[in-house]
Amino acid sequence: MPTSHVDVATGHASRYLQQLCKHWAHKFPVEFDPNHGTIDLTLGCTVLDADAAALHIAVTAEEAGSLERLETVVADHIKRFAFREELTFDWKRASAA
């Protein structure tokens, strides 16, 4: 399955992880704590890990055509939560085995 990941530098990683998980919990299967979360979206799965310096995000789509859309949806939501700071999302695609 197509996968990509990004490390977003921020001192507020745990806050954004929890906000995103709570935001989608009413609509999708979600599990999270302050440092780790998983969201099973229609487009695919999102896994988030927070530490003091960054929010680490991995997305996996069912099909290649959905991966870019999933990246955009996740990044756009986090950017809305982080309106006080400028976050950079430089997605890296996993190479096919």
Protein backbone atom coordinates (compact mmCIF):
# COMPACT_ATOMS: atom_id res chain seq x y z
CA MET A 1 0.00 0.00 0.00
CA PRO A 2 1.28 3.50 -0.80
CA THR A 3 2.79 5.21 2.25
CA SER A 4 4.38 8.54 3.04
CA HIS A 5 5.62 10.30 6.14
CA VAL A 6 6.58 13.73 7.38
CA ASP A 7 8.27 15.20 10.45
CA VAL A 8 6.75 18.58 11.29
CA ALA A 9 8.89 20.73 13.58
CA THR A 10 6.77 22.19 16.39
CA GLY A 11 6.84 22.50 20.14
CA HIS A 12 3.09 21.79 20.19
CA ALA A 13 3.08 18.31 18.63
CA SER A 14 1.05 16.65 21.38
CA ARG A 15 -1.60 19.37 21.26
CA TYR A 16 -2.04 19.04 17.49
CA LEU A 17 -2.09 15.23 17.67
CA GLN A 18 -4.88 15.32 20.26
CA GLN A 19 -6.84 18.02 18.44
CA LEU A 20 -6.78 16.11 15.16
CA CYS A 21 -7.79 12.84 16.82
CA LYS A 22 -10.63 14.47 18.78
CA HIS A 23 -11.78 16.29 15.65
CA TRP A 24 -12.19 13.07 13.68
CA ALA A 25 -13.26 10.79 16.55
CA HIS A 26 -16.97 11.45 15.91
CA LYS A 27 -16.69 10.25 12.32
CA PHE A 28 -13.86 7.68 12.11
CA PRO A 29 -12.25 4.99 14.32
CA VAL A 30 -9.63 6.81 16.41
CA GLU A 31 -7.30 5.79 19.22
CA PHE A 32 -4.90 8.21 20.91
CA ASP A 33 -3.01 9.34 23.95
CA PRO A 34 -0.85 12.49 24.29
CA ASN A 35 2.06 10.93 22.37
CA HIS A 36 0.55 8.53 19.83
CA GLY A 37 -2.58 8.37 17.72
CA THR A 38 -4.15 6.39 14.89
CA ILE A 39 -7.02 7.49 12.67
CA ASP A 40 -8.69 5.16 10.17
CA LEU A 41 -10.04 7.55 7.55
CA THR A 42 -11.99 6.56 4.47
CA LEU A 43 -8.92 7.43 2.35
CA GLY A 44 -6.52 5.40 4.51
CA CYS A 45 -4.76 5.22 7.86
CA THR A 46 -2.94 8.05 9.63
CA VAL A 47 -0.46 7.38 12.46
CA LEU A 48 0.82 10.28 14.55
CA ASP A 49 3.62 10.41 17.10
CA ALA A 50 4.50 13.48 19.14
CA ASP A 51 7.71 14.39 20.91
CA ALA A 52 9.08 17.66 22.30
CA ALA A 53 10.43 18.84 18.93
CA ALA A 54 8.13 17.46 16.22
CA LEU A 55 4.92 15.81 15.12
CA HIS A 56 5.73 12.66 13.15
CA ILE A 57 2.99 11.60 10.73
CA ALA A 58 2.71 8.51 8.52
CA VAL A 59 -0.17 8.02 6.11
CA THR A 60 -1.07 4.84 4.23
CA ALA A 61 -3.66 4.81 1.46
CA GLU A 62 -5.53 1.91 -0.08
CA GLU A 63 -4.52 3.06 -3.56
CA ALA A 64 -1.82 5.36 -4.99
CA GLY A 65 -4.35 7.91 -6.20
CA SER A 66 -5.59 8.52 -2.66
CA LEU A 67 -2.20 9.13 -1.04
CA GLU A 68 -1.77 12.74 -2.14
CA ARG A 69 -5.35 13.56 -1.11
CA LEU A 70 -4.78 11.98 2.31
CA GLU A 71 -1.56 13.98 2.78
CA THR A 72 -3.41 17.19 1.90
CA VAL A 73 -6.40 16.52 4.15
CA VAL A 74 -4.20 15.73 7.18
CA ALA A 75 -1.86 18.69 6.61
CA ASP A 76 -4.71 21.16 6.02
CA HIS A 77 -6.45 20.17 9.25
CA ILE A 78 -3.28 20.48 11.32
CA LYS A 79 -2.46 23.85 9.72
CA ARG A 80 -5.88 25.11 10.82
CA PHE A 81 -5.20 24.04 14.40
CA ALA A 82 -1.73 25.64 14.24
CA PHE A 83 -2.78 29.00 12.85
CA ARG A 84 -0.40 30.78 15.25
CA GLU A 85 2.68 29.18 13.69
CA GLU A 86 3.88 28.36 10.19
CA LEU A 87 4.24 24.59 9.80
CA THR A 88 6.06 22.90 6.93
CA PHE A 89 4.90 19.57 5.49
CA ASP A 90 7.57 18.00 3.29
CA TRP A 91 6.04 14.58 2.65
CA LYS A 92 8.42 11.74 1.80
CA ARG A 93 7.03 8.81 -0.17
CA ALA A 94 8.08 5.33 0.84
CA SER A 95 9.68 3.44 -2.01
CA ALA A 96 7.83 0.38 -3.26
CA ALA A 97 9.29 -2.94 -2.24
